[in-house]
Amino acid sequence: AVGYLADRLNRLGVEEALMKAGARTGDGVAIGPEENAVVFDWEPTMLAGAEMLGRRGEDHRLDPMRPAVQRRRDRQAERDEAQKQFDGFDPFGEL
């Protein structure tokens, strides 16, 4: 359903209009009257002029992360934790 809606909005020129208006990935977009609008974070289907190719009805933005992405995030979390411990270390503090 998400891919279908994205296709329809793109055909209507909504995505192009958002780009021309200066919208960026993650910007909030509201469809409908203010008191009953459907609001979502905009993720363009075309990035840098190249479409993400896939079968009709598929939306690769909803696919689970690749294992390498998760490993990279896990390593960064470990580095962040080590940095917090280092930042809290006072070599001249009281024992």
Protein backbone atom coordinates (compact mmCIF):
# COMPACT_ATOMS: atom_id res chain seq x y z
CA ALA A 1 0.00 0.00 0.00
CA VAL A 2 2.83 2.41 0.80
CA GLY A 3 4.53 1.79 -2.54
CA TYR A 4 1.24 2.18 -4.38
CA LEU A 5 0.51 5.50 -2.66
CA ALA A 6 4.04 6.73 -3.38
CA ASP A 7 3.60 5.82 -7.07
CA ARG A 8 0.28 7.67 -7.25
CA LEU A 9 1.59 10.80 -5.56
CA ASN A 10 4.64 10.77 -7.81
CA ARG A 11 2.48 10.49 -10.94
CA LEU A 12 0.44 13.46 -9.75
CA GLY A 13 3.64 15.51 -9.49
CA VAL A 14 3.56 15.83 -5.71
CA GLU A 15 7.11 14.61 -5.25
CA GLU A 16 8.49 17.00 -7.86
CA ALA A 17 6.56 19.89 -6.28
CA LEU A 18 7.98 19.02 -2.86
CA MET A 19 11.52 19.03 -4.26
CA LYS A 20 10.95 22.39 -5.98
CA ALA A 21 9.59 23.79 -2.72
CA GLY A 22 12.84 22.76 -1.00
CA ALA A 23 11.61 19.72 0.91
CA ARG A 24 14.33 17.42 2.19
CA THR A 25 14.32 13.78 3.25
CA GLY A 26 12.61 13.46 6.63
CA ASP A 27 10.58 16.69 6.36
CA GLY A 28 7.01 16.42 7.62
CA VAL A 29 4.30 16.43 4.96
CA ALA A 30 0.58 16.82 5.68
CA ILE A 31 -2.16 15.68 3.29
CA GLY A 32 -5.67 16.95 3.87
CA PRO A 33 -7.27 19.63 6.01
CA GLU A 34 -5.25 20.74 9.02
CA GLU A 35 -7.68 19.36 11.63
CA ASN A 36 -7.75 15.89 10.02
CA ALA A 37 -4.49 15.70 8.05
CA VAL A 38 -2.44 12.58 7.42
CA VAL A 39 1.12 13.50 8.37
CA PHE A 40 4.24 11.56 7.40
CA ASP A 41 7.99 12.04 7.06
CA TRP A 42 8.82 12.47 3.40
CA GLU A 43 11.18 9.94 1.84
CA PRO A 44 11.66 10.68 -1.86
CA THR A 45 11.43 7.73 -4.22
CA MET A 46 14.05 9.33 -6.45
CA LEU A 47 17.39 10.23 -4.95
CA ALA A 48 19.88 12.19 -7.05
CA GLY A 49 17.84 11.47 -10.16
CA ALA A 50 18.09 7.68 -9.96
CA GLU A 51 15.14 5.55 -8.96
CA MET A 52 15.44 2.59 -6.66
CA LEU A 53 14.46 -0.24 -8.92
CA GLY A 54 12.26 -3.03 -7.67
CA ARG A 55 9.18 -4.97 -8.59
CA ARG A 56 5.90 -3.10 -8.71
CA GLY A 57 4.30 -2.78 -5.30
CA GLU A 58 7.58 -3.18 -3.41
CA ASP A 59 9.08 -0.42 -1.33
CA HIS A 60 12.74 -1.03 -0.51
CA ARG A 61 12.61 1.64 2.18
CA LEU A 62 10.60 -0.81 4.29
CA ASP A 63 13.06 -3.68 3.90
CA PRO A 64 14.95 -4.72 7.03
CA MET A 65 18.47 -3.38 7.41
CA ARG A 66 21.32 -5.26 5.83
CA PRO A 67 23.52 -7.13 8.33
CA ALA A 68 26.51 -4.86 7.59
CA VAL A 69 24.49 -1.81 8.58
CA GLN A 70 23.55 -3.38 11.91
CA ARG A 71 27.16 -4.44 12.57
CA ARG A 72 28.35 -0.90 11.84
CA ARG A 73 25.76 0.54 14.24
CA ASP A 74 26.72 -1.98 16.93
CA ARG A 75 30.42 -1.06 16.61
CA GLN A 76 29.57 2.64 16.81
CA ALA A 77 27.51 2.03 19.96
CA GLU A 78 30.50 0.23 21.52
CA ARG A 79 32.79 3.15 20.62
CA ASP A 80 30.29 5.61 22.05
CA GLU A 81 30.18 3.66 25.33
CA ALA A 82 33.98 3.56 25.53
CA GLN A 83 34.11 7.30 24.84
CA LYS A 84 31.65 7.98 27.68
CA GLN A 85 33.86 6.01 30.09
CA PHE A 86 36.96 7.88 28.88
CA ASP A 87 35.23 11.26 29.17
CA GLY A 88 34.30 10.47 32.78
CA PHE A 89 37.86 9.43 33.74
CA ASP A 90 39.75 11.88 35.94
CA PRO A 91 43.41 10.83 36.33
CA PHE A 92 43.98 13.34 39.14
CA GLY A 93 40.73 12.66 40.98
CA GLU A 94 40.56 11.39 44.51
CA LEU A 95 40.98 7.67 45.14
